[in-house]
Amino acid sequence: MPRKSREITEKTVEIGDKLIVEFYNGQTLTFTVGGPGEGNPDRGVISCEAPLAKAILGKKQEESAAYTVGEKILTVKIISILK
């Protein structure tokens, strides 16, 4: 069965975008970047004020970003910016 190719766009991550990201450990997560105070992990929304969201705002698909949680520096790669 042929694999579907992902279309890479020049779009950058903005508030309201739904994303698929891959963490340093290989796990993936799909979520929406919400506005200030709109974080609701149970509904798949991460506030733009969260360290992860701050790190990826303005980044393009296939770019990686580093963010800090406590004393740890973690990395994430933007797999797809969904429409």
N, C-alpha and C. Protein backbone atom coordinates (compact mmCIF):
# COMPACT_ATOMS: atom_id res chain seq x y z
N MET A 1 0.85 -1.17 0.00
CA MET A 1 0.00 0.00 0.00
C MET A 1 0.90 1.24 0.00
N PRO A 2 0.68 2.19 -0.91
CA PRO A 2 1.52 3.38 -0.95
C PRO A 2 1.30 4.27 0.27
N ARG A 3 2.37 4.88 0.74
CA ARG A 3 2.27 5.79 1.88
C ARG A 3 1.84 7.16 1.40
N LYS A 4 1.01 7.79 2.19
CA LYS A 4 0.60 9.16 1.86
C LYS A 4 1.70 10.11 2.27
N SER A 5 2.03 11.03 1.41
CA SER A 5 3.06 12.01 1.77
C SER A 5 2.39 13.19 2.47
N ARG A 6 3.11 13.74 3.41
CA ARG A 6 2.61 14.93 4.10
C ARG A 6 3.01 16.14 3.30
N GLU A 7 2.08 17.06 3.20
CA GLU A 7 2.38 18.30 2.51
C GLU A 7 3.02 19.25 3.52
N ILE A 8 4.21 19.72 3.22
CA ILE A 8 4.89 20.66 4.10
C ILE A 8 4.56 22.07 3.62
N THR A 9 4.06 22.88 4.52
CA THR A 9 3.69 24.24 4.17
C THR A 9 4.64 25.23 4.82
N GLU A 10 4.55 26.46 4.43
CA GLU A 10 5.36 27.52 5.03
C GLU A 10 4.64 28.15 6.22
N LYS A 11 3.46 27.67 6.56
CA LYS A 11 2.69 28.20 7.68
C LYS A 11 3.46 28.04 8.98
N THR A 12 3.33 29.02 9.84
CA THR A 12 3.93 28.93 11.17
C THR A 12 2.85 28.69 12.21
N VAL A 13 3.23 28.13 13.33
CA VAL A 13 2.30 27.82 14.41
C VAL A 13 1.75 29.11 15.02
N GLU A 14 0.42 29.17 15.12
CA GLU A 14 -0.27 30.31 15.72
C GLU A 14 -1.30 29.80 16.73
N ILE A 15 -1.77 30.69 17.57
CA ILE A 15 -2.85 30.36 18.51
C ILE A 15 -4.05 29.90 17.69
N GLY A 16 -4.66 28.81 18.09
CA GLY A 16 -5.81 28.24 17.39
C GLY A 16 -5.47 27.09 16.48
N ASP A 17 -4.17 26.89 16.19
CA ASP A 17 -3.75 25.80 15.32
C ASP A 17 -3.81 24.46 16.06
N LYS A 18 -4.16 23.42 15.30
CA LYS A 18 -4.10 22.05 15.80
C LYS A 18 -2.82 21.45 15.26
N LEU A 19 -2.07 20.75 16.11
CA LEU A 19 -0.74 20.26 15.74
C LEU A 19 -0.56 18.79 16.09
N ILE A 20 0.37 18.19 15.39
CA ILE A 20 0.91 16.89 15.80
C ILE A 20 2.40 17.15 16.05
N VAL A 21 2.85 16.81 17.25
CA VAL A 21 4.27 16.98 17.59
C VAL A 21 4.85 15.65 18.04
N GLU A 22 6.17 15.54 17.91
CA GLU A 22 6.88 14.35 18.38
C GLU A 22 7.89 14.78 19.43
N PHE A 23 7.82 14.12 20.59
CA PHE A 23 8.72 14.44 21.69
C PHE A 23 10.04 13.71 21.54
N TYR A 24 11.02 14.11 22.32
CA TYR A 24 12.37 13.55 22.30
C TYR A 24 12.38 12.03 22.47
N ASN A 25 11.36 11.47 23.14
CA ASN A 25 11.31 10.03 23.40
C ASN A 25 10.54 9.26 22.34
N GLY A 26 10.12 9.94 21.26
CA GLY A 26 9.41 9.28 20.18
C GLY A 26 7.89 9.31 20.28
N GLN A 27 7.36 9.73 21.42
CA GLN A 27 5.91 9.82 21.57
C GLN A 27 5.37 10.98 20.75
N THR A 28 4.16 10.82 20.23
CA THR A 28 3.51 11.91 19.52
C THR A 28 2.29 12.38 20.30
N LEU A 29 1.91 13.61 20.05
CA LEU A 29 0.75 14.20 20.71
C LEU A 29 0.06 15.13 19.73
N THR A 30 -1.26 15.07 19.70
CA THR A 30 -2.07 15.98 18.90
C THR A 30 -2.78 16.92 19.86
N PHE A 31 -2.68 18.22 19.63
CA PHE A 31 -3.32 19.20 20.51
C PHE A 31 -3.55 20.50 19.76
N THR A 32 -4.35 21.36 20.35
CA THR A 32 -4.61 22.70 19.82
C THR A 32 -3.95 23.71 20.74
N VAL A 33 -3.35 24.74 20.17
CA VAL A 33 -2.77 25.83 20.96
C VAL A 33 -3.89 26.81 21.27
N GLY A 34 -4.23 26.93 22.55
CA GLY A 34 -5.29 27.84 22.98
C GLY A 34 -4.72 29.20 23.36
N GLY A 35 -5.61 30.12 23.59
CA GLY A 35 -5.22 31.46 24.02
C GLY A 35 -4.82 31.47 25.48
N PRO A 36 -4.49 32.65 26.01
CA PRO A 36 -4.12 32.76 27.42
C PRO A 36 -5.22 32.23 28.33
N GLY A 37 -4.86 31.35 29.24
CA GLY A 37 -5.82 30.80 30.19
C GLY A 37 -6.78 29.78 29.61
N GLU A 38 -6.60 29.38 28.35
CA GLU A 38 -7.53 28.45 27.71
C GLU A 38 -7.05 27.00 27.76
N GLY A 39 -6.01 26.72 28.50
CA GLY A 39 -5.49 25.36 28.57
C GLY A 39 -6.51 24.40 29.16
N ASN A 40 -6.70 23.26 28.50
CA ASN A 40 -7.59 22.22 28.99
C ASN A 40 -7.08 20.88 28.44
N PRO A 41 -6.11 20.28 29.12
CA PRO A 41 -5.51 19.04 28.62
C PRO A 41 -6.52 17.93 28.33
N ASP A 42 -7.60 17.86 29.12
CA ASP A 42 -8.62 16.83 28.89
C ASP A 42 -9.30 16.99 27.53
N ARG A 43 -9.30 18.20 27.00
CA ARG A 43 -9.92 18.47 25.69
C ARG A 43 -8.87 18.67 24.60
N GLY A 44 -7.59 18.42 24.93
CA GLY A 44 -6.54 18.52 23.93
C GLY A 44 -6.13 19.94 23.61
N VAL A 45 -6.25 20.84 24.60
CA VAL A 45 -5.89 22.25 24.40
C VAL A 45 -4.77 22.62 25.36
N ILE A 46 -3.69 23.21 24.82
CA ILE A 46 -2.58 23.69 25.64
C ILE A 46 -2.55 25.21 25.52
N SER A 47 -2.53 25.90 26.64
CA SER A 47 -2.48 27.35 26.64
C SER A 47 -1.21 27.87 25.97
N CYS A 48 -1.34 28.99 25.29
CA CYS A 48 -0.18 29.62 24.65
C CYS A 48 0.84 30.08 25.68
N GLU A 49 0.45 30.08 26.96
CA GLU A 49 1.36 30.48 28.03
C GLU A 49 2.21 29.32 28.55
N ALA A 50 1.89 28.09 28.13
CA ALA A 50 2.63 26.91 28.57
C ALA A 50 4.01 26.89 27.91
N PRO A 51 5.03 26.36 28.60
CA PRO A 51 6.38 26.34 28.02
C PRO A 51 6.44 25.67 26.64
N LEU A 52 5.73 24.57 26.45
CA LEU A 52 5.73 23.89 25.16
C LEU A 52 5.18 24.81 24.06
N ALA A 53 4.04 25.43 24.32
CA ALA A 53 3.43 26.31 23.31
C ALA A 53 4.33 27.51 23.02
N LYS A 54 4.91 28.11 24.05
CA LYS A 54 5.81 29.24 23.84
C LYS A 54 6.97 28.87 22.92
N ALA A 55 7.47 27.63 23.08
CA ALA A 55 8.62 27.19 22.29
C ALA A 55 8.27 26.99 20.81
N ILE A 56 7.03 26.59 20.51
CA ILE A 56 6.70 26.26 19.12
C ILE A 56 5.95 27.36 18.37
N LEU A 57 5.43 28.35 19.09
CA LEU A 57 4.75 29.45 18.39
C LEU A 57 5.73 30.12 17.42
N GLY A 58 5.30 30.31 16.19
CA GLY A 58 6.14 30.93 15.17
C GLY A 58 7.04 29.96 14.41
N LYS A 59 7.06 28.70 14.83
CA LYS A 59 7.87 27.69 14.15
C LYS A 59 7.08 27.08 12.98
N LYS A 60 7.81 26.48 12.04
CA LYS A 60 7.21 25.84 10.87
C LYS A 60 7.20 24.32 11.05
N GLN A 61 6.38 23.67 10.23
CA GLN A 61 6.35 22.21 10.20
C GLN A 61 7.75 21.67 9.94
N GLU A 62 8.10 20.59 10.62
CA GLU A 62 9.39 19.92 10.55
C GLU A 62 10.48 20.61 11.37
N GLU A 63 10.19 21.77 11.97
CA GLU A 63 11.18 22.42 12.84
C GLU A 63 11.10 21.83 14.24
N SER A 64 12.20 21.91 14.95
CA SER A 64 12.27 21.46 16.33
C SER A 64 12.43 22.66 17.25
N ALA A 65 12.06 22.46 18.51
CA ALA A 65 12.19 23.53 19.50
C ALA A 65 12.53 22.92 20.85
N ALA A 66 13.22 23.67 21.67
CA ALA A 66 13.55 23.25 23.03
C ALA A 66 12.73 24.07 24.01
N TYR A 67 12.33 23.43 25.10
CA TYR A 67 11.60 24.13 26.15
C TYR A 67 12.00 23.55 27.49
N THR A 68 11.75 24.30 28.54
CA THR A 68 12.19 23.91 29.88
C THR A 68 10.99 23.54 30.75
N VAL A 69 11.13 22.42 31.44
CA VAL A 69 10.15 21.99 32.45
C VAL A 69 10.96 21.72 33.70
N GLY A 70 10.75 22.56 34.71
CA GLY A 70 11.57 22.45 35.91
C GLY A 70 13.01 22.74 35.55
N GLU A 71 13.88 21.78 35.82
CA GLU A 71 15.29 21.95 35.48
C GLU A 71 15.69 21.19 34.22
N LYS A 72 14.70 20.54 33.58
CA LYS A 72 14.97 19.75 32.39
C LYS A 72 14.74 20.56 31.12
N ILE A 73 15.62 20.39 30.15
CA ILE A 73 15.43 20.97 28.83
C ILE A 73 14.98 19.85 27.91
N LEU A 74 13.80 19.99 27.33
CA LEU A 74 13.21 18.98 26.47
C LEU A 74 13.12 19.50 25.04
N THR A 75 13.03 18.58 24.08
CA THR A 75 12.87 18.98 22.69
C THR A 75 11.62 18.36 22.10
N VAL A 76 11.08 19.04 21.11
CA VAL A 76 9.88 18.59 20.42
C VAL A 76 10.02 18.98 18.95
N LYS A 77 9.48 18.14 18.07
CA LYS A 77 9.50 18.43 16.64
C LYS A 77 8.07 18.56 16.15
N ILE A 78 7.80 19.58 15.35
CA ILE A 78 6.46 19.78 14.80
C ILE A 78 6.33 18.86 13.58
N ILE A 79 5.49 17.87 13.70
CA ILE A 79 5.26 16.92 12.61
C ILE A 79 4.29 17.49 11.59
N SER A 80 3.21 18.09 12.08
CA SER A 80 2.20 18.61 11.16
C SER A 80 1.40 19.73 11.81
N ILE A 81 1.11 20.74 11.00
CA ILE A 81 0.18 21.80 11.39
C ILE A 81 -1.11 21.49 10.63
N LEU A 82 -2.13 21.04 11.36
CA LEU A 82 -3.37 20.60 10.74
C LEU A 82 -4.28 21.78 10.42
N LYS A 83 -5.02 21.63 9.37
CA LYS A 83 -5.96 22.70 8.96
C LYS A 83 -7.31 22.49 9.57
